[in-house]
């Protein structure tokens, strides 16, 4: 009898483990990509700067052979953000921009991606302080156009060093939603997760 109970328990555990594994499409990780200082896209004067912050996700889409469409929707401060205008998606391995995951199919989805938030404004004074701390050989005056960026430090390190800044990012919860359409299923799956910054 004990052997039967043990066998049933093992089978149930295996089924639960398999079902749980099947539901994991992505997972946020703390990025090692750089935080940068840049000029705002449409600067009104020489004091319009942004801090670009990467947030990264491991993707497990290649575990599902029946996926044929994946859409990504990012909400910042309770507002749906626009790809390119507000953020850019990159392949973590190649650092190449991805404008849509539609160009990929199973089993060729990227293993990980990172999004770069492009519109977090920062004062010239705060930008200069961060540059002096992380990249003292340059200065905020070296940013003369929207193509110029000054790398600071990995997001992982930035996050450790600047808890108040991270608290402010978390003040209004941000989220990411993956909309996944599988073959032979009428309704897409919507998987939403809070961004932990």
N, C-alpha and C. Protein backbone atom coordinates (compact mmCIF):
# COMPACT_ATOMS: atom_id res chain seq x y z
N UNK A 1 0.83 -1.21 0.00
CA UNK A 1 0.00 0.00 0.00
C UNK A 1 0.87 1.26 0.00
N UNK A 2 1.94 1.24 0.83
CA UNK A 2 2.83 2.41 0.89
C UNK A 2 3.48 2.66 -0.47
N UNK A 3 3.82 1.57 -1.17
CA UNK A 3 4.46 1.70 -2.48
C UNK A 3 3.50 2.33 -3.49
N UNK A 4 2.23 1.98 -3.42
CA UNK A 4 1.22 2.54 -4.33
C UNK A 4 1.05 4.04 -4.05
N UNK A 5 0.96 4.40 -2.76
CA UNK A 5 0.83 5.81 -2.39
C UNK A 5 2.05 6.61 -2.84
N UNK A 6 3.24 6.03 -2.65
CA UNK A 6 4.47 6.69 -3.09
C UNK A 6 4.50 6.87 -4.60
N UNK A 7 4.06 5.84 -5.33
CA UNK A 7 4.01 5.90 -6.80
C UNK A 7 3.04 6.98 -7.27
N UNK A 8 1.86 7.02 -6.66
CA UNK A 8 0.84 8.03 -7.03
C UNK A 8 1.36 9.44 -6.71
N UNK A 9 2.00 9.60 -5.56
CA UNK A 9 2.56 10.90 -5.18
C UNK A 9 3.62 11.35 -6.17
N UNK A 10 4.48 10.43 -6.59
CA UNK A 10 5.53 10.75 -7.56
C UNK A 10 4.94 11.18 -8.89
N UNK A 11 3.91 10.46 -9.35
CA UNK A 11 3.25 10.79 -10.63
C UNK A 11 2.59 12.17 -10.54
N UNK A 12 1.88 12.43 -9.43
CA UNK A 12 1.22 13.73 -9.26
C UNK A 12 2.24 14.87 -9.22
N UNK A 13 3.35 14.64 -8.53
CA UNK A 13 4.41 15.65 -8.47
C UNK A 13 4.97 15.92 -9.87
N UNK A 14 5.20 14.85 -10.62
CA UNK A 14 5.75 14.99 -11.98
C UNK A 14 4.77 15.75 -12.87
N UNK A 15 3.48 15.45 -12.75
CA UNK A 15 2.47 16.16 -13.55
C UNK A 15 2.40 17.63 -13.17
N UNK A 16 2.44 17.91 -11.88
CA UNK A 16 2.42 19.29 -11.41
C UNK A 16 3.65 20.04 -11.91
N UNK A 17 4.82 19.40 -11.82
CA UNK A 17 6.06 20.03 -12.26
C UNK A 17 6.01 20.33 -13.76
N UNK A 18 5.48 19.40 -14.53
CA UNK A 18 5.38 19.59 -15.99
C UNK A 18 4.41 20.72 -16.31
N UNK A 19 3.26 20.74 -15.65
CA UNK A 19 2.27 21.79 -15.92
C UNK A 19 2.80 23.16 -15.52
N UNK A 20 3.50 23.23 -14.38
CA UNK A 20 4.07 24.51 -13.93
C UNK A 20 5.12 24.98 -14.92
N UNK A 21 5.94 24.04 -15.37
CA UNK A 21 7.00 24.38 -16.33
C UNK A 21 6.40 24.92 -17.63
N UNK A 22 5.30 24.33 -18.07
CA UNK A 22 4.67 24.74 -19.32
C UNK A 22 4.16 26.17 -19.25
N UNK A 23 3.85 26.66 -18.08
CA UNK A 23 3.27 27.99 -17.96
C UNK A 23 4.31 29.09 -17.89
N UNK A 24 5.59 28.74 -17.85
CA UNK A 24 6.63 29.76 -17.76
C UNK A 24 7.06 30.18 -19.16
N UNK A 25 6.65 31.40 -19.56
CA UNK A 25 6.99 31.91 -20.88
C UNK A 25 8.16 32.89 -20.82
N UNK A 26 8.30 33.58 -19.66
CA UNK A 26 9.39 34.55 -19.50
C UNK A 26 9.63 34.79 -18.02
N UNK A 27 10.81 35.33 -17.72
CA UNK A 27 11.14 35.65 -16.33
C UNK A 27 12.05 36.86 -16.32
N UNK A 28 11.72 37.85 -15.50
CA UNK A 28 12.56 39.04 -15.38
C UNK A 28 13.85 38.70 -14.63
N UNK A 29 14.96 39.24 -15.12
CA UNK A 29 16.25 39.08 -14.43
C UNK A 29 16.87 40.47 -14.27
N UNK A 30 17.78 40.60 -13.32
CA UNK A 30 18.46 41.88 -13.13
C UNK A 30 19.55 41.98 -14.20
N UNK A 31 19.44 42.99 -15.03
CA UNK A 31 20.30 43.11 -16.21
C UNK A 31 21.72 43.54 -15.87
N UNK A 32 22.66 43.00 -16.64
CA UNK A 32 24.07 43.42 -16.57
C UNK A 32 24.37 44.46 -17.66
N UNK A 33 23.35 44.81 -18.45
CA UNK A 33 23.52 45.83 -19.50
C UNK A 33 23.67 47.20 -18.85
N UNK A 34 24.29 48.13 -19.59
CA UNK A 34 24.60 49.44 -19.03
C UNK A 34 23.41 50.39 -18.95
N UNK A 35 23.42 51.17 -17.89
CA UNK A 35 22.58 52.36 -17.77
C UNK A 35 23.36 53.48 -18.46
N UNK A 36 22.67 54.35 -19.21
CA UNK A 36 23.33 55.44 -19.94
C UNK A 36 22.65 56.77 -19.69
N UNK A 37 23.40 57.82 -19.91
CA UNK A 37 22.83 59.17 -19.95
C UNK A 37 22.82 59.60 -21.41
N UNK A 38 21.70 60.17 -21.84
CA UNK A 38 21.56 60.62 -23.23
C UNK A 38 20.75 61.90 -23.26
N UNK A 39 20.75 62.54 -24.43
CA UNK A 39 19.90 63.71 -24.62
C UNK A 39 18.49 63.23 -24.95
N UNK A 40 17.49 63.94 -24.46
CA UNK A 40 16.11 63.60 -24.78
C UNK A 40 15.91 63.65 -26.29
N UNK A 41 14.96 62.86 -26.77
CA UNK A 41 14.77 62.73 -28.21
C UNK A 41 14.44 64.06 -28.89
N UNK A 42 13.59 64.85 -28.28
CA UNK A 42 13.25 66.16 -28.84
C UNK A 42 13.59 67.24 -27.82
N UNK A 43 14.89 67.52 -27.64
CA UNK A 43 15.29 68.47 -26.60
C UNK A 43 14.83 69.89 -26.91
N UNK A 44 14.32 70.56 -25.87
CA UNK A 44 13.93 71.97 -26.04
C UNK A 44 15.12 72.87 -25.74
N UNK A 45 16.02 72.37 -24.91
CA UNK A 45 17.25 73.13 -24.61
C UNK A 45 18.34 72.15 -24.22
N UNK A 46 19.47 72.66 -23.82
CA UNK A 46 20.62 71.81 -23.51
C UNK A 46 20.53 71.14 -22.14
N UNK A 47 19.38 71.26 -21.49
CA UNK A 47 19.21 70.66 -20.16
C UNK A 47 18.23 69.49 -20.20
N UNK A 48 17.83 69.05 -21.38
CA UNK A 48 16.87 67.94 -21.51
C UNK A 48 17.61 66.62 -21.67
N UNK A 49 17.77 65.91 -20.54
CA UNK A 49 18.49 64.64 -20.57
C UNK A 49 17.59 63.52 -20.07
N UNK A 50 17.95 62.31 -20.48
CA UNK A 50 17.25 61.12 -20.01
C UNK A 50 18.28 60.11 -19.52
N UNK A 51 17.82 59.25 -18.63
CA UNK A 51 18.63 58.13 -18.20
C UNK A 51 17.98 56.88 -18.80
N UNK A 52 18.74 56.13 -19.58
CA UNK A 52 18.17 54.95 -20.24
C UNK A 52 18.50 53.72 -19.41
N UNK A 53 17.45 53.01 -19.03
CA UNK A 53 17.59 51.88 -18.11
C UNK A 53 17.12 50.60 -18.79
N UNK A 54 17.98 49.57 -18.81
CA UNK A 54 17.56 48.29 -19.39
C UNK A 54 16.87 47.40 -18.36
N UNK A 55 15.80 46.73 -18.77
CA UNK A 55 15.25 45.67 -17.92
C UNK A 55 15.10 44.44 -18.80
N UNK A 56 15.51 43.31 -18.23
CA UNK A 56 15.80 42.12 -19.06
C UNK A 56 14.92 40.93 -18.67
N UNK A 57 14.68 40.08 -19.66
CA UNK A 57 13.84 38.90 -19.46
C UNK A 57 14.46 37.69 -20.14
N UNK A 58 14.52 36.59 -19.42
CA UNK A 58 14.80 35.31 -20.06
C UNK A 58 13.50 34.85 -20.72
N UNK A 59 13.60 34.36 -21.94
CA UNK A 59 12.42 33.87 -22.66
C UNK A 59 12.47 32.35 -22.75
N UNK A 60 11.30 31.74 -22.57
CA UNK A 60 11.18 30.28 -22.67
C UNK A 60 10.20 29.91 -23.77
N UNK A 61 10.08 30.77 -24.76
CA UNK A 61 9.11 30.56 -25.85
C UNK A 61 9.46 29.34 -26.69
N UNK A 62 10.74 29.01 -26.77
CA UNK A 62 11.15 27.86 -27.58
C UNK A 62 10.80 26.53 -26.92
N UNK A 63 10.22 26.58 -25.72
CA UNK A 63 9.74 25.35 -25.08
C UNK A 63 8.36 24.95 -25.59
N UNK A 64 7.78 25.81 -26.45
CA UNK A 64 6.41 25.57 -26.90
C UNK A 64 6.37 25.59 -28.42
N UNK A 65 6.26 24.43 -29.01
CA UNK A 65 6.31 24.32 -30.48
C UNK A 65 5.05 24.85 -31.16
N UNK A 66 3.96 25.04 -30.40
CA UNK A 66 2.71 25.47 -31.03
C UNK A 66 2.48 26.99 -30.97
N UNK A 67 3.47 27.77 -30.55
CA UNK A 67 3.33 29.23 -30.54
C UNK A 67 3.57 29.76 -31.95
N UNK A 68 2.67 30.62 -32.44
CA UNK A 68 2.91 31.23 -33.75
C UNK A 68 2.85 32.76 -33.73
N UNK A 69 2.48 33.35 -32.59
CA UNK A 69 2.49 34.82 -32.49
C UNK A 69 2.79 35.21 -31.06
N UNK A 70 3.65 36.23 -30.89
CA UNK A 70 3.94 36.79 -29.57
C UNK A 70 3.96 38.31 -29.68
N UNK A 71 3.16 38.97 -28.89
CA UNK A 71 3.16 40.43 -28.82
C UNK A 71 3.59 40.87 -27.42
N UNK A 72 4.31 41.98 -27.34
CA UNK A 72 4.78 42.50 -26.05
C UNK A 72 4.18 43.89 -25.84
N UNK A 73 3.59 44.10 -24.65
CA UNK A 73 2.99 45.39 -24.32
C UNK A 73 3.54 45.84 -22.97
N UNK A 74 4.08 47.05 -22.96
CA UNK A 74 4.74 47.59 -21.77
C UNK A 74 3.96 48.79 -21.26
N UNK A 75 3.59 48.75 -19.97
CA UNK A 75 2.87 49.85 -19.34
C UNK A 75 3.78 50.55 -18.35
N UNK A 76 3.95 51.86 -18.53
CA UNK A 76 4.76 52.69 -17.63
C UNK A 76 3.87 53.77 -17.04
N UNK A 77 3.86 53.88 -15.71
CA UNK A 77 3.04 54.89 -15.02
C UNK A 77 1.58 54.84 -15.46
N UNK A 78 1.03 53.62 -15.52
CA UNK A 78 -0.37 53.37 -15.90
C UNK A 78 -0.71 53.80 -17.33
N UNK A 79 0.31 53.89 -18.19
CA UNK A 79 0.08 54.30 -19.58
C UNK A 79 0.77 53.29 -20.49
N UNK A 80 0.05 52.87 -21.52
CA UNK A 80 0.63 51.95 -22.49
C UNK A 80 1.73 52.67 -23.26
N UNK A 81 2.93 52.14 -23.20
CA UNK A 81 4.07 52.76 -23.88
C UNK A 81 4.15 52.29 -25.33
N UNK A 82 4.75 53.12 -26.16
CA UNK A 82 4.87 52.81 -27.58
C UNK A 82 6.29 52.36 -27.90
N UNK A 83 6.39 51.23 -28.60
CA UNK A 83 7.70 50.75 -29.00
C UNK A 83 8.33 51.79 -29.92
N UNK A 84 9.60 51.96 -29.84
CA UNK A 84 10.44 52.95 -30.52
C UNK A 84 10.30 54.31 -29.86
N UNK A 85 9.10 54.87 -29.76
CA UNK A 85 8.95 56.19 -29.14
C UNK A 85 9.35 56.18 -27.67
N UNK A 86 8.86 55.19 -26.91
CA UNK A 86 9.08 55.15 -25.47
C UNK A 86 10.14 54.14 -25.03
N UNK A 87 10.26 53.07 -25.78
CA UNK A 87 11.22 52.02 -25.41
C UNK A 87 11.65 51.26 -26.66
N UNK A 88 12.76 50.56 -26.52
CA UNK A 88 13.27 49.73 -27.61
C UNK A 88 13.56 48.35 -27.04
N UNK A 89 13.29 47.32 -27.84
CA UNK A 89 13.58 45.94 -27.44
C UNK A 89 14.85 45.49 -28.14
N UNK A 90 15.73 44.81 -27.41
CA UNK A 90 16.97 44.29 -27.98
C UNK A 90 17.11 42.80 -27.67
N UNK A 91 17.76 42.09 -28.58
CA UNK A 91 18.18 40.72 -28.33
C UNK A 91 19.38 40.79 -27.38
N UNK A 92 19.31 40.11 -26.25
CA UNK A 92 20.38 40.20 -25.24
C UNK A 92 21.72 39.66 -25.75
N UNK A 93 21.68 38.68 -26.62
CA UNK A 93 22.93 38.07 -27.08
C UNK A 93 23.62 38.90 -28.15
N UNK A 94 22.84 39.56 -29.01
CA UNK A 94 23.45 40.31 -30.12
C UNK A 94 23.40 41.82 -29.94
N UNK A 95 22.59 42.31 -28.99
CA UNK A 95 22.35 43.75 -28.78
C UNK A 95 21.73 44.42 -30.01
N UNK A 96 21.10 43.64 -30.87
CA UNK A 96 20.41 44.20 -32.04
C UNK A 96 18.97 44.50 -31.68
N UNK A 97 18.48 45.62 -32.21
CA UNK A 97 17.09 46.02 -31.94
C UNK A 97 16.12 45.02 -32.57
N UNK A 98 15.05 44.76 -31.85
CA UNK A 98 13.97 43.90 -32.33
C UNK A 98 12.71 44.76 -32.37
N UNK A 99 12.11 44.88 -33.54
CA UNK A 99 10.92 45.71 -33.65
C UNK A 99 9.64 44.91 -33.42
N UNK A 100 9.77 43.59 -33.51
CA UNK A 100 8.62 42.72 -33.28
C UNK A 100 9.12 41.29 -33.15
N UNK A 101 8.49 40.52 -32.28
CA UNK A 101 8.85 39.10 -32.19
C UNK A 101 8.19 38.28 -33.29
N UNK A 102 7.37 38.94 -34.13
CA UNK A 102 6.71 38.26 -35.24
C UNK A 102 7.70 37.65 -36.24
N UNK A 103 8.87 38.25 -36.35
CA UNK A 103 9.84 37.76 -37.33
C UNK A 103 10.44 36.42 -36.92
N UNK A 104 10.22 36.03 -35.65
CA UNK A 104 10.75 34.77 -35.16
C UNK A 104 9.65 33.71 -35.15
N UNK A 105 10.06 32.48 -35.23
CA UNK A 105 9.17 31.34 -35.10
C UNK A 105 9.87 30.29 -34.26
N UNK A 106 9.11 29.41 -33.66
CA UNK A 106 9.68 28.27 -32.96
C UNK A 106 10.58 27.50 -33.92
N UNK A 107 11.78 27.10 -33.57
CA UNK A 107 12.45 27.21 -32.27
C UNK A 107 13.51 28.31 -32.26
N UNK A 108 13.23 29.44 -32.91
CA UNK A 108 14.26 30.48 -33.10
C UNK A 108 14.00 31.78 -32.34
N UNK A 109 13.13 31.73 -31.34
CA UNK A 109 12.94 32.93 -30.51
C UNK A 109 14.23 33.23 -29.74
N UNK A 110 14.52 34.50 -29.48
CA UNK A 110 15.71 34.82 -28.67
C UNK A 110 15.60 34.17 -27.29
N UNK A 111 16.75 33.84 -26.72
CA UNK A 111 16.75 33.25 -25.38
C UNK A 111 16.50 34.30 -24.31
N UNK A 112 16.87 35.53 -24.62
CA UNK A 112 16.58 36.63 -23.69
C UNK A 112 16.52 37.94 -24.46
N UNK A 113 15.76 38.87 -23.90
CA UNK A 113 15.63 40.21 -24.49
C UNK A 113 15.76 41.23 -23.37
N UNK A 114 16.08 42.46 -23.74
CA UNK A 114 15.99 43.54 -22.77
C UNK A 114 15.32 44.73 -23.42
N UNK A 115 14.54 45.44 -22.63
CA UNK A 115 13.88 46.66 -23.07
C UNK A 115 14.63 47.83 -22.48
N UNK A 116 14.77 48.89 -23.27
CA UNK A 116 15.41 50.10 -22.77
C UNK A 116 14.37 51.21 -22.74
N UNK A 117 14.08 51.66 -21.54
CA UNK A 117 13.16 52.78 -21.32
C UNK A 117 13.88 54.05 -21.76
N UNK A 118 13.26 54.83 -22.65
CA UNK A 118 13.94 55.97 -23.27
C UNK A 118 13.49 57.34 -22.76
N UNK A 119 12.51 57.39 -21.87
CA UNK A 119 11.95 58.70 -21.54
C UNK A 119 11.95 59.02 -20.05
N UNK A 120 12.88 58.47 -19.31
CA UNK A 120 12.99 58.82 -17.89
C UNK A 120 13.87 60.06 -17.80
N UNK A 121 13.25 61.20 -17.56
CA UNK A 121 14.00 62.46 -17.56
C UNK A 121 14.87 62.58 -16.32
N UNK A 122 15.98 63.27 -16.50
CA UNK A 122 16.91 63.50 -15.41
C UNK A 122 17.46 64.92 -15.57
N UNK A 123 17.64 65.62 -14.46
CA UNK A 123 18.17 66.99 -14.55
C UNK A 123 19.63 66.94 -14.97
N UNK A 124 20.10 68.04 -15.53
CA UNK A 124 21.50 68.14 -15.93
C UNK A 124 22.42 67.94 -14.72
N UNK A 125 22.01 68.51 -13.60
CA UNK A 125 22.81 68.40 -12.37
C UNK A 125 22.92 66.94 -11.91
N UNK A 126 21.79 66.23 -11.89
CA UNK A 126 21.81 64.82 -11.47
C UNK A 126 22.57 63.96 -12.47
N UNK A 127 22.42 64.28 -13.74
CA UNK A 127 23.16 63.54 -14.78
C UNK A 127 24.66 63.70 -14.57
N UNK A 128 25.08 64.93 -14.29
CA UNK A 128 26.51 65.20 -14.08
C UNK A 128 27.04 64.46 -12.85
N UNK A 129 26.26 64.41 -11.80
CA UNK A 129 26.68 63.69 -10.59
C UNK A 129 26.90 62.21 -10.88
N UNK A 130 25.99 61.61 -11.65
CA UNK A 130 26.12 60.20 -11.99
C UNK A 130 27.34 59.96 -12.89
N UNK A 131 27.56 60.88 -13.83
CA UNK A 131 28.71 60.76 -14.72
C UNK A 131 30.01 60.87 -13.93
N UNK A 132 30.08 61.81 -13.00
CA UNK A 132 31.28 61.97 -12.16
C UNK A 132 31.53 60.71 -11.32
N UNK A 133 30.46 60.06 -10.91
CA UNK A 133 30.58 58.87 -10.07
C UNK A 133 31.05 57.65 -10.89
N UNK A 134 30.47 57.48 -12.08
CA UNK A 134 30.71 56.24 -12.82
C UNK A 134 31.61 56.37 -14.05
N UNK A 135 31.69 57.57 -14.61
CA UNK A 135 32.50 57.75 -15.82
C UNK A 135 33.17 59.12 -15.77
N UNK A 136 34.08 59.33 -14.80
CA UNK A 136 34.63 60.67 -14.53
C UNK A 136 35.52 61.24 -15.63
N UNK A 137 35.87 60.44 -16.61
CA UNK A 137 36.73 60.95 -17.69
C UNK A 137 35.94 61.73 -18.74
N UNK A 138 34.62 61.79 -18.58
CA UNK A 138 33.79 62.53 -19.52
C UNK A 138 32.91 63.52 -18.75
N UNK A 139 32.03 64.22 -19.45
CA UNK A 139 31.15 65.20 -18.81
C UNK A 139 29.85 65.30 -19.59
N UNK A 140 28.85 65.81 -18.92
CA UNK A 140 27.53 65.93 -19.55
C UNK A 140 27.59 66.82 -20.80
N UNK A 141 28.54 67.74 -20.84
CA UNK A 141 28.69 68.63 -22.01
C UNK A 141 29.09 67.87 -23.27
N UNK A 142 29.60 66.65 -23.11
CA UNK A 142 29.96 65.83 -24.28
C UNK A 142 28.75 65.29 -25.03
N UNK A 143 27.58 65.40 -24.41
CA UNK A 143 26.35 64.98 -25.10
C UNK A 143 25.84 66.18 -25.88
N UNK A 144 26.03 66.14 -27.18
CA UNK A 144 25.65 67.29 -28.02
C UNK A 144 24.48 67.00 -28.94
N UNK A 145 24.14 65.72 -29.09
CA UNK A 145 22.99 65.37 -29.93
C UNK A 145 22.34 64.11 -29.37
N UNK A 146 21.19 63.74 -29.93
CA UNK A 146 20.47 62.56 -29.45
C UNK A 146 21.22 61.26 -29.77
N UNK A 147 22.25 61.33 -30.60
CA UNK A 147 23.05 60.14 -30.91
C UNK A 147 24.15 59.88 -29.88
N UNK A 148 24.42 60.87 -29.03
CA UNK A 148 25.49 60.75 -28.04
C UNK A 148 24.95 60.14 -26.75
N UNK A 149 25.68 59.17 -26.22
CA UNK A 149 25.32 58.60 -24.92
C UNK A 149 26.59 58.45 -24.08
N UNK A 150 26.42 58.52 -22.79
CA UNK A 150 27.52 58.29 -21.87
C UNK A 150 27.16 57.08 -21.01
N UNK A 151 27.92 55.99 -21.15
CA UNK A 151 27.65 54.81 -20.32
C UNK A 151 28.03 55.06 -18.88
N UNK A 152 27.22 54.55 -17.97
CA UNK A 152 27.51 54.71 -16.55
C UNK A 152 28.05 53.42 -15.95
N UNK A 153 27.16 52.46 -15.73
CA UNK A 153 27.52 51.23 -15.04
C UNK A 153 26.42 50.21 -15.34
N UNK A 154 26.66 48.94 -15.05
CA UNK A 154 25.62 47.94 -15.28
C UNK A 154 24.38 48.26 -14.44
N UNK A 155 23.23 47.87 -14.93
CA UNK A 155 22.01 48.13 -14.18
C UNK A 155 22.04 47.43 -12.82
N UNK A 156 22.64 46.24 -12.78
CA UNK A 156 22.76 45.51 -11.52
C UNK A 156 23.48 46.35 -10.47
N UNK A 157 24.60 46.95 -10.85
CA UNK A 157 25.38 47.78 -9.93
C UNK A 157 24.65 49.09 -9.63
N UNK A 158 24.05 49.70 -10.66
CA UNK A 158 23.30 50.94 -10.48
C UNK A 158 22.17 50.75 -9.48
N UNK A 159 21.51 49.63 -9.59
CA UNK A 159 20.40 49.32 -8.70
C UNK A 159 20.86 49.19 -7.25
N UNK A 160 22.01 48.58 -7.05
CA UNK A 160 22.58 48.44 -5.70
C UNK A 160 22.98 49.80 -5.12
N UNK A 161 23.54 50.66 -5.97
CA UNK A 161 24.08 51.95 -5.50
C UNK A 161 23.03 53.04 -5.32
N UNK A 162 21.90 52.92 -5.97
CA UNK A 162 20.92 54.01 -6.01
C UNK A 162 19.52 53.55 -5.60
N UNK A 163 19.35 53.08 -4.37
CA UNK A 163 18.04 52.54 -3.96
C UNK A 163 16.90 53.56 -4.00
N UNK A 164 17.20 54.83 -3.73
CA UNK A 164 16.14 55.85 -3.76
C UNK A 164 15.62 56.04 -5.18
N UNK A 165 16.52 56.01 -6.14
CA UNK A 165 16.12 56.14 -7.55
C UNK A 165 15.22 54.96 -7.94
N UNK A 166 15.59 53.77 -7.51
CA UNK A 166 14.81 52.56 -7.82
C UNK A 166 13.46 52.61 -7.12
N UNK A 167 13.41 53.10 -5.90
CA UNK A 167 12.14 53.26 -5.18
C UNK A 167 11.19 54.16 -5.96
N UNK A 168 11.76 55.23 -6.54
CA UNK A 168 10.93 56.15 -7.32
C UNK A 168 10.38 55.46 -8.57
N UNK A 169 11.19 54.62 -9.22
CA UNK A 169 10.72 53.86 -10.39
C UNK A 169 9.56 52.94 -10.01
N UNK A 170 9.62 52.42 -8.80
CA UNK A 170 8.61 51.45 -8.34
C UNK A 170 7.36 52.12 -7.75
N UNK A 171 7.40 53.43 -7.58
CA UNK A 171 6.30 54.14 -6.91
C UNK A 171 4.96 53.87 -7.59
N UNK A 172 4.92 53.97 -8.90
CA UNK A 172 3.74 53.58 -9.67
C UNK A 172 4.10 52.27 -10.36
N UNK A 173 3.44 51.16 -10.03
CA UNK A 173 3.84 49.87 -10.59
C UNK A 173 3.75 49.84 -12.12
N UNK A 174 4.82 49.36 -12.74
CA UNK A 174 4.88 49.18 -14.19
C UNK A 174 4.72 47.70 -14.49
N UNK A 175 4.29 47.39 -15.72
CA UNK A 175 4.06 45.98 -16.04
C UNK A 175 4.39 45.68 -17.50
N UNK A 176 4.55 44.41 -17.76
CA UNK A 176 4.76 43.92 -19.12
C UNK A 176 3.76 42.79 -19.35
N UNK A 177 3.18 42.77 -20.53
CA UNK A 177 2.23 41.72 -20.89
C UNK A 177 2.68 41.06 -22.17
N UNK A 178 2.79 39.74 -22.15
CA UNK A 178 3.04 38.96 -23.35
C UNK A 178 1.70 38.40 -23.82
N UNK A 179 1.35 38.68 -25.07
CA UNK A 179 0.16 38.10 -25.66
C UNK A 179 0.63 36.99 -26.59
N UNK A 180 0.23 35.77 -26.27
CA UNK A 180 0.75 34.58 -26.96
C UNK A 180 -0.39 33.84 -27.62
N UNK A 181 -0.29 33.69 -28.92
CA UNK A 181 -1.29 32.93 -29.68
C UNK A 181 -0.71 31.58 -30.05
N UNK A 182 -1.43 30.53 -29.69
CA UNK A 182 -0.99 29.19 -30.03
C UNK A 182 -1.84 28.65 -31.17
N UNK A 183 -1.24 27.77 -31.96
CA UNK A 183 -1.97 27.13 -33.05
C UNK A 183 -3.14 26.32 -32.49
N UNK A 184 -4.22 26.32 -33.24
CA UNK A 184 -5.42 25.54 -32.91
C UNK A 184 -6.12 26.03 -31.65
N UNK A 185 -5.76 27.22 -31.16
CA UNK A 185 -6.47 27.81 -30.03
C UNK A 185 -7.04 29.15 -30.47
N UNK A 186 -8.31 29.36 -30.19
CA UNK A 186 -8.99 30.57 -30.68
C UNK A 186 -8.54 31.82 -29.94
N UNK A 187 -8.43 31.71 -28.62
CA UNK A 187 -8.10 32.90 -27.82
C UNK A 187 -6.63 32.92 -27.46
N UNK A 188 -6.00 34.08 -27.58
CA UNK A 188 -4.60 34.18 -27.14
C UNK A 188 -4.49 34.17 -25.62
N UNK A 189 -3.33 33.80 -25.14
CA UNK A 189 -3.04 33.84 -23.71
C UNK A 189 -2.41 35.19 -23.40
N UNK A 190 -2.86 35.82 -22.32
CA UNK A 190 -2.22 37.06 -21.88
C UNK A 190 -1.52 36.80 -20.55
N UNK A 191 -0.20 36.97 -20.56
CA UNK A 191 0.60 36.73 -19.36
C UNK A 191 1.18 38.07 -18.91
N UNK A 192 0.69 38.56 -17.78
CA UNK A 192 1.11 39.89 -17.29
C UNK A 192 2.00 39.73 -16.07
N UNK A 193 3.03 40.56 -15.99
CA UNK A 193 3.92 40.53 -14.83
C UNK A 193 4.31 41.94 -14.45
N UNK A 194 4.41 42.18 -13.16
CA UNK A 194 4.88 43.46 -12.64
C UNK A 194 6.39 43.55 -12.88
N UNK A 195 6.86 44.72 -13.29
CA UNK A 195 8.29 44.93 -13.46
C UNK A 195 8.88 45.29 -12.10
N UNK A 196 9.91 44.55 -11.72
CA UNK A 196 10.48 44.73 -10.37
C UNK A 196 11.55 45.81 -10.31
N UNK A 197 11.99 46.28 -11.47
CA UNK A 197 13.06 47.28 -11.53
C UNK A 197 14.18 46.82 -10.65
